[in-house]
Structure formats: structure tokens, C-alpha cells
Protein backbone atom coordinates (compact mmCIF):
# COMPACT_ATOMS: atom_id res chain seq x y z
CA UNK A 1 57.19 -84.37 -21.68
CA UNK A 2 56.43 -84.21 -25.28
CA UNK A 3 57.01 -80.44 -25.18
CA UNK A 4 60.56 -81.09 -23.72
CA UNK A 5 61.32 -83.78 -26.37
CA UNK A 6 60.30 -81.46 -29.03
CA UNK A 7 62.14 -78.28 -27.70
CA UNK A 8 65.26 -80.54 -27.27
CA UNK A 9 65.11 -81.87 -31.00
CA UNK A 10 64.74 -78.30 -32.40
CA UNK A 11 67.67 -77.18 -30.23
CA UNK A 12 69.76 -80.05 -31.38
CA UNK A 13 68.82 -79.19 -35.00
CA UNK A 14 69.64 -75.60 -34.65
CA UNK A 15 72.81 -76.32 -33.01
CA UNK A 16 73.89 -78.60 -35.91
CA UNK A 17 73.05 -75.93 -38.39
CA UNK A 18 74.88 -73.37 -36.74
CA UNK A 19 77.93 -75.74 -36.12
CA UNK A 20 77.83 -76.44 -39.84
CA UNK A 21 78.21 -72.60 -40.28
CA UNK A 22 81.33 -72.12 -37.99
CA UNK A 23 84.37 -73.03 -40.42
CA UNK A 24 86.88 -76.02 -39.04
CA UNK A 25 90.22 -75.00 -40.23
CA UNK A 26 91.85 -77.20 -43.02
CA UNK A 27 94.99 -77.86 -40.94
CA UNK A 28 92.94 -79.86 -38.33
CA UNK A 29 92.86 -82.89 -40.34
CA UNK A 30 96.45 -82.66 -41.32
CA UNK A 31 98.03 -81.78 -38.05
CA UNK A 32 96.34 -84.77 -36.41
CA UNK A 33 98.26 -87.28 -38.74
CA UNK A 34 101.39 -85.46 -38.58
CA UNK A 35 101.63 -85.39 -34.83
CA UNK A 36 100.74 -88.85 -34.33
CA UNK A 37 103.82 -90.12 -36.33
CA UNK A 38 106.26 -87.85 -34.61
CA UNK A 39 107.94 -89.13 -31.57
CA UNK A 40 106.42 -88.24 -28.45
CA UNK A 41 109.10 -86.37 -26.62
CA UNK A 42 109.48 -84.03 -29.61
CA UNK A 43 105.91 -83.28 -30.20
CA UNK A 44 103.20 -81.57 -28.10
CA UNK A 45 100.35 -83.91 -27.14
CA UNK A 46 98.07 -84.90 -30.09
CA UNK A 47 95.07 -83.00 -28.57
CA UNK A 48 95.00 -79.57 -27.07
CA UNK A 49 93.51 -79.06 -23.74
CA UNK A 50 91.10 -76.53 -21.80
CA UNK A 51 92.81 -74.93 -19.02
CA UNK A 52 90.38 -74.19 -16.32
CA UNK A 53 90.51 -71.50 -13.63
CA UNK A 54 92.80 -73.55 -11.37
CA UNK A 55 95.31 -74.34 -13.98
CA UNK A 56 94.05 -77.85 -14.53
CA UNK A 57 94.08 -79.18 -18.06
CA UNK A 58 90.67 -80.74 -19.10
CA UNK A 59 89.84 -82.78 -22.16
CA UNK A 60 85.96 -82.91 -22.84
CA UNK A 61 84.94 -81.29 -19.55
CA UNK A 62 81.19 -81.67 -18.68
CA UNK A 63 81.19 -78.09 -17.19
CA UNK A 64 83.70 -75.25 -17.49
CA UNK A 65 83.75 -72.15 -15.36
CA UNK A 66 83.79 -68.77 -17.28
CA UNK A 67 83.82 -66.33 -14.48
CA UNK A 68 86.62 -67.50 -12.20
CA UNK A 69 86.34 -64.46 -9.92
CA UNK A 70 83.06 -64.75 -8.76
CA UNK A 71 81.48 -68.05 -10.32
CA UNK A 72 78.65 -66.17 -11.74
CA UNK A 73 78.90 -67.79 -15.24
CA UNK A 74 79.79 -71.24 -16.20
CA UNK A 75 78.98 -73.79 -19.05
CA UNK A 76 77.02 -76.70 -17.79
CA UNK A 77 75.92 -79.96 -19.40
CA UNK A 78 78.61 -79.75 -22.02
CA UNK A 79 78.22 -82.43 -24.80
CA UNK A 80 81.35 -82.46 -27.25
CA UNK A 81 80.74 -83.68 -30.79
CA UNK A 82 84.53 -83.09 -31.81
CA UNK A 83 87.72 -82.72 -29.74
CA UNK A 84 90.62 -82.40 -31.94
CA UNK A 85 94.18 -80.79 -32.16
CA UNK A 86 93.09 -77.56 -33.77
CA UNK A 87 89.34 -77.09 -32.41
CA UNK A 88 86.71 -78.70 -30.24
CA UNK A 89 82.85 -78.28 -30.90
CA UNK A 90 80.00 -79.04 -28.65
CA UNK A 91 76.68 -77.95 -27.27
CA UNK A 92 76.09 -76.48 -23.54
CA UNK A 93 73.86 -74.43 -21.39
CA UNK A 94 75.55 -71.13 -20.45
CA UNK A 95 74.28 -70.47 -16.82
CA UNK A 96 74.56 -66.89 -15.86
CA UNK A 97 73.77 -65.32 -12.74
CA UNK A 98 71.71 -62.00 -13.31
CA UNK A 99 73.00 -60.43 -10.11
CA UNK A 100 69.48 -58.78 -9.47
CA UNK A 101 69.31 -57.28 -6.79
CA UNK A 102 72.92 -57.98 -6.60
CA UNK A 103 74.85 -61.15 -7.26
CA UNK A 104 74.74 -62.83 -3.97
CA UNK A 105 70.76 -62.79 -4.33
CA UNK A 106 70.67 -63.22 -8.04
CA UNK A 107 69.03 -65.92 -9.95
CA UNK A 108 70.88 -68.11 -12.56
CA UNK A 109 69.53 -68.51 -15.99
CA UNK A 110 70.40 -70.97 -18.73
CA UNK A 111 70.75 -70.20 -22.27
CA UNK A 112 71.61 -73.02 -25.01
CA UNK A 113 74.87 -72.43 -26.80
CA UNK A 114 77.10 -73.99 -29.50
CA UNK A 115 80.67 -73.91 -27.97
CA UNK A 116 83.71 -73.80 -29.92
CA UNK A 117 87.53 -74.03 -28.74
CA UNK A 118 90.36 -73.14 -30.91
CA UNK A 119 93.49 -71.41 -31.49
CA UNK A 120 95.95 -73.88 -29.66
CA UNK A 121 99.09 -72.72 -28.53
CA UNK A 122 101.92 -74.03 -26.35
CA UNK A 123 100.91 -73.97 -22.68
CA UNK A 124 103.53 -72.14 -20.88
CA UNK A 125 103.12 -74.02 -17.72
CA UNK A 126 103.58 -77.21 -19.56
CA UNK A 127 105.29 -76.73 -22.79
CA UNK A 128 104.74 -80.43 -23.99
CA UNK A 129 101.15 -79.68 -23.95
CA UNK A 130 99.04 -77.38 -26.17
CA UNK A 131 96.09 -75.47 -25.01
CA UNK A 132 93.13 -73.88 -26.55
CA UNK A 133 93.19 -70.16 -26.06
CA UNK A 134 89.93 -68.92 -27.47
CA UNK A 135 86.34 -70.08 -26.52
CA UNK A 136 83.44 -69.04 -28.85
CA UNK A 137 79.83 -69.43 -27.82
CA UNK A 138 76.81 -68.91 -30.09
CA UNK A 139 73.51 -68.51 -28.46
CA UNK A 140 70.74 -70.50 -30.00
CA UNK A 141 67.59 -69.58 -27.91
CA UNK A 142 67.86 -66.07 -26.28
CA UNK A 143 70.76 -64.23 -24.58
CA UNK A 144 71.96 -62.92 -21.26
CA UNK A 145 71.21 -59.20 -20.87
CA UNK A 146 73.73 -57.11 -22.68
CA UNK A 147 75.24 -60.13 -24.42
CA UNK A 148 75.72 -60.43 -28.41
CA UNK A 149 74.38 -63.67 -30.09
CA UNK A 150 78.17 -64.75 -30.96
CA UNK A 151 80.68 -64.11 -28.09
CA UNK A 152 84.53 -64.77 -27.98
CA UNK A 153 86.45 -65.21 -25.05
CA UNK A 154 90.25 -65.31 -24.55
CA UNK A 155 91.03 -68.27 -22.33
CA UNK A 156 93.86 -67.83 -19.54
CA UNK A 157 97.02 -69.59 -19.38
């Protein structure tokens, strides 16, 4: 039990250190106060959303599917430390199927990551809403096979 608490503490410290190294755009603070004062009908929502595989808008989801086609990669146990109009930050576990010997018989392995969503744009399906278009992962304790320590995913619309 103590080993688990120590590992969690070390992982949180590493996540905080890495999160501090990822810049937050200076426009994040200014855009929040600007959008709040604008009339609701003439501005997008104050907070951007993450659009999932099923075209559902999510704010601070607890899990997020990355491999929509086969479900062999998803973020689980997401804990958001920030969710704003320009970016969102949190920590999670990246659950990845090793597909050995093939995906249906594979084993899921979890890797701790720092998650960052950014580059909000108008959501084409709902123009009154902004959606994050990029998801960045920073692996803090190992990586899946053939995966870099820092990965960027373009999110779908």
C-alpha cells in the first residue's frame, strides 16, 4: 500500500513539473474575460469542448476514446486541473492494447500521461460552440511500443 502511495506522489510531482514546462497561451486569460462580457447569441461558448468519436461534446470527461475504429486506445481516469477557453490540462492513464498476438487476444497496458487539449476552433456541427482540435500526451513513466514520449493527435470534427 505504501509503495502505491509513493508511486502516486512521485507521478503527481513529475506531472506537475512537466505541466509547468508546457506553455499556456497568453491569450487564454484575456479571451475568458472578453467572452464572458459578450452577448450569449453573438459569441461561442466560454469554454471549448472535446468532441468524442460519437460527435458528442464533452467537458472534463473522465475517459476519452482515442482509437474510434477499434477501441484499442483510450484515456482513462482523467483528472483535469484546468479547463478553459483556449486549453485544458490534466493527467490520465493511456490504456493501449498491445495487440499480441492479435488485437482481439491482446492485453491492455496503462501508461501515465499528462494531457493537454488546445487549438480551439468553431465546431462545424455546432457553430455556437468551440472545440479543441489537438490533444497532446506526455508520457511520464514508459511509453507504448513504437511511441515517442510526446505525441500530438489531431482531433476529429
